[in-house]
Amino acid sequence: MNWIDILIIILLLISIGMGIWRGFIHETLSLLAW
């Protein structure tokens, strides 16, 4: 694996993590607003 593959994998993991975190925050806020 060269560093470009590692960089792509890291970016994918960060984007997936941010998506999960954003969904979790959105659900928590909607529950609190309820």
Protein backbone atom coordinates (compact mmCIF):
# COMPACT_ATOMS: atom_id res chain seq x y z
CA MET A 1 0.00 0.00 0.00
CA ASN A 2 1.34 3.41 -0.90
CA TRP A 3 0.52 6.57 1.03
CA ILE A 4 -2.24 7.56 -1.42
CA ASP A 5 -4.24 4.44 -0.54
CA ILE A 6 -3.73 5.11 3.17
CA LEU A 7 -4.84 8.74 2.72
CA ILE A 8 -7.99 7.66 0.87
CA ILE A 9 -8.84 5.10 3.56
CA ILE A 10 -8.34 7.69 6.32
CA LEU A 11 -10.56 10.19 4.51
CA LEU A 12 -13.26 7.55 4.04
CA LEU A 13 -13.15 6.61 7.72
CA ILE A 14 -13.34 10.27 8.77
CA SER A 15 -16.31 10.94 6.47
CA ILE A 16 -18.15 7.84 7.72
CA GLY A 17 -17.42 8.76 11.34
CA MET A 18 -18.62 12.32 10.84
CA GLY A 19 -21.82 11.04 9.21
CA ILE A 20 -22.55 8.70 12.14
CA TRP A 21 -21.70 11.42 14.67
CA ARG A 22 -23.90 13.96 12.86
CA GLY A 23 -26.81 11.48 12.80
CA PHE A 24 -26.33 10.75 16.50
CA ILE A 25 -26.34 14.47 17.39
CA HIS A 26 -29.41 15.04 15.22
CA GLU A 27 -31.30 12.19 16.93
CA THR A 28 -30.30 13.46 20.38
CA LEU A 29 -31.41 17.01 19.59
CA SER A 30 -34.74 15.78 18.19
CA LEU A 31 -35.29 13.70 21.34
CA LEU A 32 -34.48 16.68 23.56
CA ALA A 33 -36.75 18.96 21.54
CA TRP A 34 -39.53 16.39 21.86
